[in-house]
N, C-alpha and C. Protein backbone atom coordinates (compact mmCIF):
# COMPACT_ATOMS: atom_id res chain seq x y z
N MET A 1 3.85 -13.20 8.09
CA MET A 1 4.09 -14.04 6.94
C MET A 1 5.04 -13.29 6.00
N GLN A 2 5.98 -13.98 5.40
CA GLN A 2 6.88 -13.39 4.43
C GLN A 2 6.36 -13.66 3.01
N GLN A 3 6.27 -12.61 2.20
CA GLN A 3 5.78 -12.74 0.83
C GLN A 3 6.59 -11.78 -0.03
N ASP A 4 7.27 -12.28 -1.04
CA ASP A 4 8.05 -11.44 -1.96
C ASP A 4 9.01 -10.50 -1.23
N GLY A 5 9.64 -10.99 -0.15
CA GLY A 5 10.62 -10.21 0.59
C GLY A 5 10.04 -9.18 1.54
N ARG A 6 8.75 -9.19 1.77
CA ARG A 6 8.13 -8.24 2.70
C ARG A 6 7.32 -9.02 3.74
N THR A 7 7.07 -8.36 4.86
CA THR A 7 6.26 -8.95 5.92
C THR A 7 4.81 -8.52 5.72
N GLU A 8 3.92 -9.49 5.71
CA GLU A 8 2.49 -9.22 5.60
C GLU A 8 1.78 -9.72 6.84
N GLU A 9 0.82 -8.93 7.31
CA GLU A 9 -0.07 -9.36 8.39
C GLU A 9 -1.28 -9.99 7.71
N VAL A 10 -1.66 -11.19 8.13
CA VAL A 10 -2.71 -11.94 7.45
C VAL A 10 -3.89 -12.17 8.38
N LEU A 11 -5.08 -11.95 7.85
CA LEU A 11 -6.33 -12.18 8.56
C LEU A 11 -7.11 -13.21 7.76
N VAL A 12 -7.60 -14.27 8.43
CA VAL A 12 -8.32 -15.34 7.75
C VAL A 12 -9.65 -15.59 8.46
N ASP A 13 -10.70 -15.69 7.67
CA ASP A 13 -12.01 -16.10 8.18
C ASP A 13 -12.15 -17.58 7.85
N ILE A 14 -11.97 -18.43 8.87
CA ILE A 14 -11.99 -19.87 8.59
C ILE A 14 -13.37 -20.37 8.20
N GLY A 15 -14.41 -19.61 8.55
CA GLY A 15 -15.77 -20.01 8.18
C GLY A 15 -16.04 -19.90 6.69
N THR A 16 -15.51 -18.85 6.07
CA THR A 16 -15.77 -18.64 4.63
C THR A 16 -14.56 -18.95 3.76
N GLY A 17 -13.38 -18.99 4.38
CA GLY A 17 -12.16 -19.17 3.60
C GLY A 17 -11.64 -17.87 3.03
N SER A 18 -12.26 -16.76 3.38
CA SER A 18 -11.80 -15.45 2.93
C SER A 18 -10.54 -15.06 3.69
N TRP A 19 -9.70 -14.23 3.05
CA TRP A 19 -8.46 -13.81 3.68
C TRP A 19 -8.09 -12.41 3.21
N ALA A 20 -7.25 -11.75 4.00
CA ALA A 20 -6.71 -10.45 3.64
C ALA A 20 -5.28 -10.39 4.15
N ALA A 21 -4.39 -9.84 3.35
CA ALA A 21 -2.99 -9.65 3.73
C ALA A 21 -2.67 -8.17 3.58
N VAL A 22 -2.13 -7.56 4.65
CA VAL A 22 -1.84 -6.14 4.70
C VAL A 22 -0.34 -5.96 4.83
N TYR A 23 0.22 -5.01 4.06
CA TYR A 23 1.65 -4.75 4.15
C TYR A 23 1.95 -3.29 3.81
N ALA A 24 3.08 -2.81 4.33
CA ALA A 24 3.52 -1.44 4.08
C ALA A 24 4.44 -1.43 2.86
N GLU A 25 4.25 -0.41 2.02
CA GLU A 25 5.12 -0.25 0.84
C GLU A 25 5.13 1.22 0.45
N GLY A 26 6.31 1.80 0.39
CA GLY A 26 6.43 3.19 -0.04
C GLY A 26 5.70 4.18 0.85
N GLY A 27 5.65 3.91 2.16
CA GLY A 27 5.00 4.83 3.08
C GLY A 27 3.49 4.72 3.14
N ARG A 28 2.92 3.71 2.51
CA ARG A 28 1.47 3.51 2.60
C ARG A 28 1.17 2.04 2.80
N TRP A 29 -0.06 1.74 3.20
CA TRP A 29 -0.49 0.37 3.44
C TRP A 29 -1.24 -0.16 2.23
N LEU A 30 -0.92 -1.38 1.83
CA LEU A 30 -1.59 -2.03 0.71
C LEU A 30 -2.23 -3.33 1.20
N VAL A 31 -3.28 -3.75 0.52
CA VAL A 31 -4.03 -4.93 0.94
C VAL A 31 -4.25 -5.84 -0.27
N ARG A 32 -4.05 -7.12 -0.03
CA ARG A 32 -4.48 -8.16 -0.98
C ARG A 32 -5.56 -8.94 -0.27
N GLN A 33 -6.61 -9.34 -0.98
CA GLN A 33 -7.64 -10.15 -0.34
C GLN A 33 -8.23 -11.11 -1.35
N GLY A 34 -8.78 -12.19 -0.84
CA GLY A 34 -9.39 -13.19 -1.70
C GLY A 34 -10.41 -14.01 -0.95
N GLY A 35 -11.11 -14.84 -1.67
CA GLY A 35 -12.16 -15.67 -1.08
C GLY A 35 -13.53 -15.15 -1.44
N PRO A 36 -14.56 -15.81 -0.96
CA PRO A 36 -15.92 -15.44 -1.35
C PRO A 36 -16.43 -14.13 -0.73
N GLU A 37 -15.84 -13.68 0.38
CA GLU A 37 -16.26 -12.45 1.05
C GLU A 37 -15.10 -11.45 1.04
N PRO A 38 -15.35 -10.17 0.77
CA PRO A 38 -14.28 -9.16 0.81
C PRO A 38 -13.94 -8.82 2.28
N LEU A 39 -13.08 -9.60 2.88
CA LEU A 39 -12.80 -9.52 4.30
C LEU A 39 -12.26 -8.15 4.72
N TRP A 40 -11.32 -7.59 3.96
CA TRP A 40 -10.75 -6.30 4.36
C TRP A 40 -11.79 -5.18 4.29
N ASP A 41 -12.73 -5.28 3.36
CA ASP A 41 -13.81 -4.30 3.29
C ASP A 41 -14.59 -4.29 4.60
N ALA A 42 -14.82 -5.47 5.17
CA ALA A 42 -15.54 -5.58 6.44
C ALA A 42 -14.71 -4.96 7.57
N VAL A 43 -13.40 -5.15 7.55
CA VAL A 43 -12.53 -4.54 8.57
C VAL A 43 -12.63 -3.02 8.49
N GLU A 44 -12.56 -2.47 7.28
CA GLU A 44 -12.65 -1.02 7.12
C GLU A 44 -14.01 -0.49 7.56
N GLU A 45 -15.06 -1.23 7.29
CA GLU A 45 -16.40 -0.81 7.72
C GLU A 45 -16.48 -0.73 9.24
N GLN A 46 -15.97 -1.75 9.92
CA GLN A 46 -15.99 -1.75 11.38
C GLN A 46 -15.10 -0.66 11.95
N PHE A 47 -13.97 -0.41 11.33
CA PHE A 47 -13.08 0.66 11.78
C PHE A 47 -13.79 2.01 11.65
N GLY A 48 -14.52 2.21 10.57
CA GLY A 48 -15.28 3.43 10.38
C GLY A 48 -16.34 3.60 11.46
N ARG A 49 -17.02 2.51 11.82
CA ARG A 49 -18.02 2.56 12.90
C ARG A 49 -17.37 2.93 14.23
N TRP A 50 -16.20 2.38 14.50
CA TRP A 50 -15.47 2.68 15.73
C TRP A 50 -15.09 4.15 15.78
N ARG A 51 -14.57 4.68 14.66
CA ARG A 51 -14.21 6.10 14.60
C ARG A 51 -15.44 6.99 14.78
N ALA A 52 -16.56 6.62 14.12
CA ALA A 52 -17.79 7.40 14.23
C ALA A 52 -18.33 7.41 15.66
N ALA A 53 -18.03 6.36 16.44
CA ALA A 53 -18.47 6.28 17.83
C ALA A 53 -17.53 7.04 18.76
N GLY A 54 -16.56 7.75 18.21
CA GLY A 54 -15.63 8.52 19.03
C GLY A 54 -14.39 7.76 19.44
N ALA A 55 -14.08 6.66 18.76
CA ALA A 55 -12.90 5.84 19.05
C ALA A 55 -12.87 5.43 20.52
N PRO A 56 -13.90 4.70 20.99
CA PRO A 56 -13.96 4.33 22.41
C PRO A 56 -12.72 3.55 22.85
N THR A 57 -12.40 3.70 24.12
CA THR A 57 -11.23 3.02 24.67
C THR A 57 -11.50 1.52 24.81
N LEU A 58 -10.45 0.79 25.04
CA LEU A 58 -10.54 -0.66 25.19
C LEU A 58 -11.50 -1.05 26.32
N GLU A 59 -11.53 -0.27 27.39
CA GLU A 59 -12.42 -0.56 28.51
C GLU A 59 -13.89 -0.44 28.14
N GLU A 60 -14.21 0.29 27.09
CA GLU A 60 -15.59 0.47 26.64
C GLU A 60 -15.99 -0.51 25.54
N PHE A 61 -15.11 -1.40 25.19
CA PHE A 61 -15.28 -2.27 24.03
C PHE A 61 -15.49 -3.71 24.46
N THR A 62 -16.53 -4.37 23.94
CA THR A 62 -16.74 -5.79 24.22
C THR A 62 -17.08 -6.53 22.93
N VAL A 63 -16.61 -7.74 22.85
CA VAL A 63 -16.93 -8.64 21.74
C VAL A 63 -17.49 -9.92 22.37
N THR A 64 -18.64 -10.36 21.89
CA THR A 64 -19.23 -11.61 22.36
C THR A 64 -19.33 -12.56 21.18
N VAL A 65 -18.79 -13.75 21.35
CA VAL A 65 -18.81 -14.75 20.28
C VAL A 65 -19.47 -16.01 20.84
N THR A 66 -20.49 -16.50 20.15
CA THR A 66 -21.18 -17.73 20.52
C THR A 66 -21.34 -18.58 19.27
N PRO A 67 -21.75 -19.83 19.42
CA PRO A 67 -21.99 -20.64 18.22
C PRO A 67 -23.04 -20.03 17.29
N GLU A 68 -23.91 -19.20 17.83
CA GLU A 68 -24.98 -18.59 17.01
C GLU A 68 -24.51 -17.33 16.28
N GLY A 69 -23.38 -16.77 16.66
CA GLY A 69 -22.89 -15.55 16.01
C GLY A 69 -22.04 -14.71 16.94
N GLN A 70 -21.80 -13.49 16.52
CA GLN A 70 -20.98 -12.59 17.34
C GLN A 70 -21.58 -11.20 17.36
N SER A 71 -21.22 -10.43 18.40
CA SER A 71 -21.67 -9.05 18.48
C SER A 71 -20.54 -8.20 19.04
N THR A 72 -20.53 -6.95 18.64
CA THR A 72 -19.53 -5.99 19.09
C THR A 72 -20.27 -4.81 19.67
N ARG A 73 -19.80 -4.34 20.84
CA ARG A 73 -20.43 -3.17 21.47
C ARG A 73 -19.38 -2.22 22.00
N TRP A 74 -19.72 -0.94 21.96
CA TRP A 74 -18.94 0.09 22.64
C TRP A 74 -19.85 1.22 23.01
């Protein structure tokens, strides 16, 4: 997505209407987010869990999504 002359990567949770937009500026990454849930905070939490688990490879990673919910394993 283009915003103010820069490219932003956008993540949207259609269930809650929450969103996060990530972009690079001055050698660092910045985030804008909005909606009822702090979506980017959840991304950072999951990234921290992945790092704490030793950064498992893609072959060790599974995501299961059903109408009842979702689960992540590694």
